Amino acid sequence: MFCPDYCGLSCVNDDCPNIICETHPEYGFDPVSCAECLLRGGCDDCLYVHMPEMCSEEKKAKYKR
């Protein structure tokens, strides 16, 4: 199960495969869902992991690998 509020480093630094699909169609990449993304690191690279107002310890425990 994946956290629906996940926002990882690849989501915001232009490494998102869907952004690459849009900006560089010549690469021939197919868009993927966020849940299928190979760059998704879970809590380990989520921007909200150290923001208790965005992600509580209870929520982390639920989604942590």
Protein backbone atom coordinates (compact mmCIF):
# COMPACT_ATOMS: atom_id res chain seq x y z
CA MET A 1 0.00 0.00 0.00
CA PHE A 2 1.29 3.44 -0.91
CA CYS A 3 0.71 6.69 0.92
CA PRO A 4 -1.62 8.87 -1.18
CA ASP A 5 0.17 12.04 0.04
CA TYR A 6 3.65 10.89 -0.99
CA CYS A 7 5.79 13.61 -2.52
CA GLY A 8 9.33 12.41 -3.12
CA LEU A 9 12.48 13.95 -4.45
CA SER A 10 11.86 12.66 -7.99
CA CYS A 11 8.40 14.28 -7.93
CA VAL A 12 9.82 17.77 -7.50
CA ASN A 13 13.26 17.71 -9.15
CA ASP A 14 12.06 17.02 -12.73
CA ASP A 15 13.00 13.31 -12.60
CA CYS A 16 9.34 12.27 -12.65
CA PRO A 17 8.91 9.86 -15.59
CA ASN A 18 5.64 11.54 -16.57
CA ILE A 19 7.32 14.94 -16.81
CA ILE A 20 10.08 13.40 -18.93
CA CYS A 21 7.38 11.88 -21.21
CA GLU A 22 5.86 15.31 -21.74
CA THR A 23 9.05 17.29 -22.19
CA HIS A 24 11.04 14.72 -24.19
CA PRO A 25 8.68 12.65 -26.35
CA GLU A 26 11.66 11.62 -28.48
CA TYR A 27 12.72 9.20 -25.71
CA GLY A 28 9.56 7.14 -26.29
CA PHE A 29 8.72 6.67 -22.59
CA ASP A 30 5.19 5.69 -21.64
CA PRO A 31 3.54 7.50 -18.71
CA VAL A 32 3.12 5.47 -15.51
CA SER A 33 0.90 5.89 -12.49
CA CYS A 34 2.57 7.28 -9.38
CA ALA A 35 2.03 3.95 -7.60
CA GLU A 36 3.95 2.15 -10.39
CA CYS A 37 6.85 4.60 -10.45
CA LEU A 38 10.24 2.93 -9.92
CA LEU A 39 11.59 6.16 -8.43
CA ARG A 40 9.07 6.11 -5.58
CA GLY A 41 11.07 5.73 -2.35
CA GLY A 42 8.26 5.68 0.19
CA CYS A 43 8.93 7.40 3.50
CA ASP A 44 12.68 7.31 2.87
CA ASP A 45 12.60 10.15 0.34
CA CYS A 46 9.23 11.77 1.06
CA LEU A 47 9.36 15.53 1.56
CA TYR A 48 6.83 15.28 4.38
CA VAL A 49 8.66 12.72 6.54
CA HIS A 50 9.97 15.38 8.94
CA MET A 51 6.83 17.53 8.91
CA PRO A 52 4.48 16.28 11.65
CA GLU A 53 1.77 18.68 10.49
CA MET A 54 1.75 16.89 7.11
CA CYS A 55 2.61 13.34 8.18
CA SER A 56 2.02 11.98 11.69
CA GLU A 57 3.96 9.11 13.25
CA GLU A 58 0.78 7.02 13.05
CA LYS A 59 0.54 7.61 9.31
CA LYS A 60 4.25 6.82 8.80
CA ALA A 61 3.84 3.53 10.66
CA LYS A 62 0.95 2.61 8.38
CA TYR A 63 2.88 3.16 5.12
CA LYS A 64 6.53 2.59 6.09
CA ARG A 65 8.17 -0.34 4.29
